[in-house]
N, C-alpha and C. Protein backbone atom coordinates (compact mmCIF):
# COMPACT_ATOMS: atom_id res chain seq x y z
N MET A 1 88.26 14.70 24.95
CA MET A 1 88.92 13.74 24.08
C MET A 1 87.93 12.66 23.63
N GLU A 2 87.20 12.07 24.56
CA GLU A 2 86.23 11.03 24.23
C GLU A 2 85.11 11.60 23.38
N ARG A 3 84.68 12.81 23.71
CA ARG A 3 83.61 13.47 22.96
C ARG A 3 84.06 13.70 21.51
N GLU A 4 85.29 14.15 21.33
CA GLU A 4 85.82 14.38 19.99
C GLU A 4 85.86 13.09 19.19
N PHE A 5 86.24 12.00 19.84
CA PHE A 5 86.29 10.70 19.19
C PHE A 5 84.89 10.27 18.75
N LYS A 6 83.90 10.45 19.64
CA LYS A 6 82.52 10.09 19.30
C LYS A 6 82.01 10.92 18.13
N LEU A 7 82.28 12.23 18.16
CA LEU A 7 81.84 13.09 17.07
C LEU A 7 82.50 12.71 15.75
N ALA A 8 83.78 12.41 15.79
CA ALA A 8 84.50 12.00 14.58
C ALA A 8 83.95 10.67 14.06
N SER A 9 83.63 9.75 14.96
CA SER A 9 83.07 8.45 14.54
C SER A 9 81.71 8.63 13.91
N ILE A 10 80.89 9.48 14.51
CA ILE A 10 79.55 9.75 13.95
C ILE A 10 79.67 10.40 12.57
N LYS A 11 80.56 11.37 12.46
CA LYS A 11 80.75 12.05 11.18
C LYS A 11 81.21 11.06 10.10
N LEU A 12 82.15 10.20 10.44
CA LEU A 12 82.64 9.20 9.50
C LEU A 12 81.52 8.24 9.07
N ALA A 13 80.70 7.81 10.03
CA ALA A 13 79.59 6.90 9.72
C ALA A 13 78.57 7.58 8.81
N LEU A 14 78.28 8.86 9.07
CA LEU A 14 77.34 9.60 8.22
C LEU A 14 77.88 9.78 6.81
N GLU A 15 79.16 10.09 6.70
CA GLU A 15 79.78 10.25 5.38
C GLU A 15 79.75 8.93 4.61
N LYS A 16 80.02 7.84 5.32
CA LYS A 16 80.00 6.52 4.67
C LYS A 16 78.59 6.19 4.20
N ARG A 17 77.58 6.47 5.02
CA ARG A 17 76.20 6.19 4.65
C ARG A 17 75.77 7.05 3.46
N CYS A 18 76.16 8.31 3.44
CA CYS A 18 75.83 9.18 2.30
C CYS A 18 76.52 8.69 1.02
N GLN A 19 77.76 8.26 1.16
CA GLN A 19 78.48 7.73 0.00
C GLN A 19 77.80 6.47 -0.52
N ASN A 20 77.39 5.59 0.40
CA ASN A 20 76.69 4.38 -0.02
C ASN A 20 75.33 4.71 -0.64
N TYR A 21 74.65 5.73 -0.14
CA TYR A 21 73.37 6.15 -0.72
C TYR A 21 73.57 6.55 -2.17
N LYS A 22 74.67 7.23 -2.42
CA LYS A 22 74.96 7.70 -3.77
C LYS A 22 75.46 6.57 -4.67
N ASP A 23 76.36 5.73 -4.15
CA ASP A 23 77.06 4.76 -5.00
C ASP A 23 76.55 3.33 -4.88
N ASN A 24 76.04 2.92 -3.72
CA ASN A 24 75.66 1.53 -3.53
C ASN A 24 74.52 1.45 -2.52
N GLN A 25 73.31 1.61 -3.01
CA GLN A 25 72.14 1.67 -2.13
C GLN A 25 71.89 0.35 -1.42
N SER A 26 72.28 -0.75 -2.01
CA SER A 26 72.08 -2.06 -1.37
C SER A 26 72.85 -2.14 -0.05
N ILE A 27 74.09 -1.67 -0.05
CA ILE A 27 74.90 -1.67 1.18
C ILE A 27 74.28 -0.74 2.21
N MET A 28 73.78 0.43 1.76
CA MET A 28 73.17 1.37 2.68
C MET A 28 71.94 0.76 3.36
N ILE A 29 71.08 0.11 2.59
CA ILE A 29 69.88 -0.52 3.14
C ILE A 29 70.25 -1.63 4.10
N ASP A 30 71.24 -2.46 3.73
CA ASP A 30 71.71 -3.52 4.63
C ASP A 30 72.17 -2.93 5.96
N SER A 31 72.87 -1.82 5.90
CA SER A 31 73.37 -1.18 7.11
C SER A 31 72.22 -0.64 7.97
N ILE A 32 71.26 0.01 7.34
CA ILE A 32 70.15 0.61 8.08
C ILE A 32 69.33 -0.44 8.81
N ILE A 33 69.08 -1.56 8.15
CA ILE A 33 68.24 -2.59 8.78
C ILE A 33 69.06 -3.68 9.47
N ASN A 34 70.36 -3.44 9.59
CA ASN A 34 71.27 -4.38 10.26
C ASN A 34 71.18 -5.79 9.66
N ARG A 35 71.12 -5.85 8.34
CA ARG A 35 71.06 -7.14 7.64
C ARG A 35 72.46 -7.56 7.23
N GLN A 36 72.77 -8.81 7.50
CA GLN A 36 74.06 -9.35 7.08
C GLN A 36 73.83 -10.25 5.87
N ARG A 37 74.72 -10.14 4.92
CA ARG A 37 74.65 -10.99 3.72
C ARG A 37 75.38 -12.29 4.00
N HIS A 38 74.80 -13.37 3.56
CA HIS A 38 75.43 -14.67 3.71
C HIS A 38 75.67 -15.24 2.32
N THR A 39 76.84 -15.78 2.12
CA THR A 39 77.22 -16.34 0.83
C THR A 39 77.41 -17.84 0.97
N ILE A 40 76.88 -18.56 0.00
CA ILE A 40 77.05 -20.01 -0.03
C ILE A 40 78.05 -20.33 -1.13
N TYR A 41 79.04 -21.11 -0.80
CA TYR A 41 80.05 -21.54 -1.78
C TYR A 41 79.81 -23.01 -2.10
N LEU A 42 79.57 -23.29 -3.37
CA LEU A 42 79.35 -24.67 -3.81
C LEU A 42 80.60 -25.20 -4.48
N ASP A 43 81.04 -26.39 -4.07
CA ASP A 43 82.18 -26.99 -4.75
C ASP A 43 81.74 -28.10 -5.69
N CYS A 44 80.44 -28.44 -5.65
CA CYS A 44 79.89 -29.42 -6.57
C CYS A 44 78.37 -29.25 -6.63
N CYS A 45 77.77 -29.78 -7.69
CA CYS A 45 76.31 -29.79 -7.81
C CYS A 45 75.93 -30.86 -8.82
N ILE A 46 74.65 -31.19 -8.85
CA ILE A 46 74.16 -32.20 -9.78
C ILE A 46 73.77 -31.51 -11.08
N ASP A 47 74.20 -32.09 -12.20
CA ASP A 47 73.89 -31.54 -13.52
C ASP A 47 72.42 -31.81 -13.83
N GLY A 48 71.62 -30.79 -13.81
CA GLY A 48 70.20 -30.93 -14.10
C GLY A 48 69.85 -30.59 -15.53
N SER A 49 70.86 -30.36 -16.37
CA SER A 49 70.59 -29.94 -17.74
C SER A 49 70.35 -31.10 -18.69
N ASN A 50 70.62 -32.33 -18.25
CA ASN A 50 70.38 -33.49 -19.13
C ASN A 50 69.92 -34.68 -18.29
N SER A 51 69.65 -35.78 -18.96
CA SER A 51 69.12 -36.95 -18.26
C SER A 51 70.19 -37.72 -17.47
N LYS A 52 71.47 -37.46 -17.71
CA LYS A 52 72.54 -38.18 -17.00
C LYS A 52 72.60 -37.78 -15.53
N ARG A 53 72.33 -36.52 -15.25
CA ARG A 53 72.33 -35.98 -13.88
C ARG A 53 73.59 -36.34 -13.11
N GLY A 54 74.73 -36.17 -13.74
CA GLY A 54 76.01 -36.45 -13.10
C GLY A 54 76.41 -35.35 -12.12
N LEU A 55 77.45 -35.62 -11.36
CA LEU A 55 77.96 -34.67 -10.38
C LEU A 55 78.98 -33.76 -11.06
N LEU A 56 78.77 -32.46 -10.97
CA LEU A 56 79.70 -31.49 -11.54
C LEU A 56 80.65 -31.02 -10.44
N THR A 57 81.95 -31.03 -10.73
CA THR A 57 82.94 -30.59 -9.75
C THR A 57 83.83 -29.47 -10.27
N ASP A 58 83.86 -29.25 -11.58
CA ASP A 58 84.65 -28.16 -12.14
C ASP A 58 84.00 -26.84 -11.73
N PRO A 59 84.75 -25.91 -11.14
CA PRO A 59 84.16 -24.66 -10.65
C PRO A 59 83.34 -23.89 -11.70
N GLU A 60 83.82 -23.87 -12.94
CA GLU A 60 83.08 -23.17 -14.01
C GLU A 60 81.77 -23.88 -14.32
N ASP A 61 81.80 -25.22 -14.36
CA ASP A 61 80.57 -25.99 -14.60
C ASP A 61 79.56 -25.81 -13.47
N VAL A 62 80.05 -25.79 -12.23
CA VAL A 62 79.16 -25.59 -11.07
C VAL A 62 78.52 -24.21 -11.15
N LEU A 63 79.31 -23.20 -11.47
CA LEU A 63 78.78 -21.84 -11.59
C LEU A 63 77.73 -21.76 -12.69
N ASN A 64 78.02 -22.33 -13.84
CA ASN A 64 77.07 -22.30 -14.96
C ASN A 64 75.78 -23.05 -14.64
N GLU A 65 75.88 -24.21 -14.02
CA GLU A 65 74.69 -24.99 -13.68
C GLU A 65 73.86 -24.28 -12.61
N THR A 66 74.52 -23.68 -11.64
CA THR A 66 73.81 -22.93 -10.61
C THR A 66 73.07 -21.76 -11.22
N ASN A 67 73.73 -21.04 -12.11
CA ASN A 67 73.11 -19.92 -12.82
C ASN A 67 71.92 -20.41 -13.64
N ARG A 68 72.10 -21.50 -14.39
CA ARG A 68 71.02 -22.06 -15.21
C ARG A 68 69.84 -22.47 -14.34
N HIS A 69 70.12 -23.11 -13.22
CA HIS A 69 69.07 -23.57 -12.31
C HIS A 69 68.22 -22.40 -11.82
N PHE A 70 68.87 -21.36 -11.31
CA PHE A 70 68.11 -20.24 -10.75
C PHE A 70 67.40 -19.42 -11.82
N GLN A 71 67.95 -19.36 -13.02
CA GLN A 71 67.23 -18.70 -14.12
C GLN A 71 65.95 -19.47 -14.43
N ARG A 72 66.04 -20.78 -14.44
CA ARG A 72 64.86 -21.60 -14.74
C ARG A 72 63.83 -21.49 -13.63
N VAL A 73 64.26 -21.51 -12.38
CA VAL A 73 63.35 -21.45 -11.24
C VAL A 73 62.64 -20.10 -11.18
N THR A 74 63.39 -19.02 -11.40
CA THR A 74 62.79 -17.68 -11.26
C THR A 74 62.21 -17.16 -12.57
N GLY A 75 62.51 -17.82 -13.68
CA GLY A 75 61.99 -17.38 -14.97
C GLY A 75 62.69 -16.16 -15.51
N THR A 76 63.92 -15.89 -15.07
CA THR A 76 64.68 -14.75 -15.56
C THR A 76 65.93 -15.23 -16.29
N ILE A 77 66.49 -14.36 -17.08
CA ILE A 77 67.72 -14.71 -17.79
C ILE A 77 68.76 -13.63 -17.49
N HIS A 78 69.90 -14.07 -16.94
CA HIS A 78 71.03 -13.19 -16.67
C HIS A 78 72.25 -13.85 -17.26
N HIS A 79 73.01 -13.09 -18.00
CA HIS A 79 74.23 -13.65 -18.61
C HIS A 79 75.42 -13.28 -17.75
N SER A 80 76.27 -14.29 -17.46
CA SER A 80 77.46 -14.00 -16.65
C SER A 80 78.67 -13.77 -17.51
């Protein structure tokens, strides 16, 4: 009984890894190297797009400013 459970668990894990290899390689790599993703949630940020440098609290404004900041820092452009 325990052996069957172990074999079924291994089979399920292998199928999941193969599916991730095909559909989502980032998840597969995270799993292989035991990397956990951490997400930061910002509820406010400083507006760096003008000289006023006010505090942004609207979720859409925070998202846009964060996107603009990282595009400028990394020199890439991604449209959301």
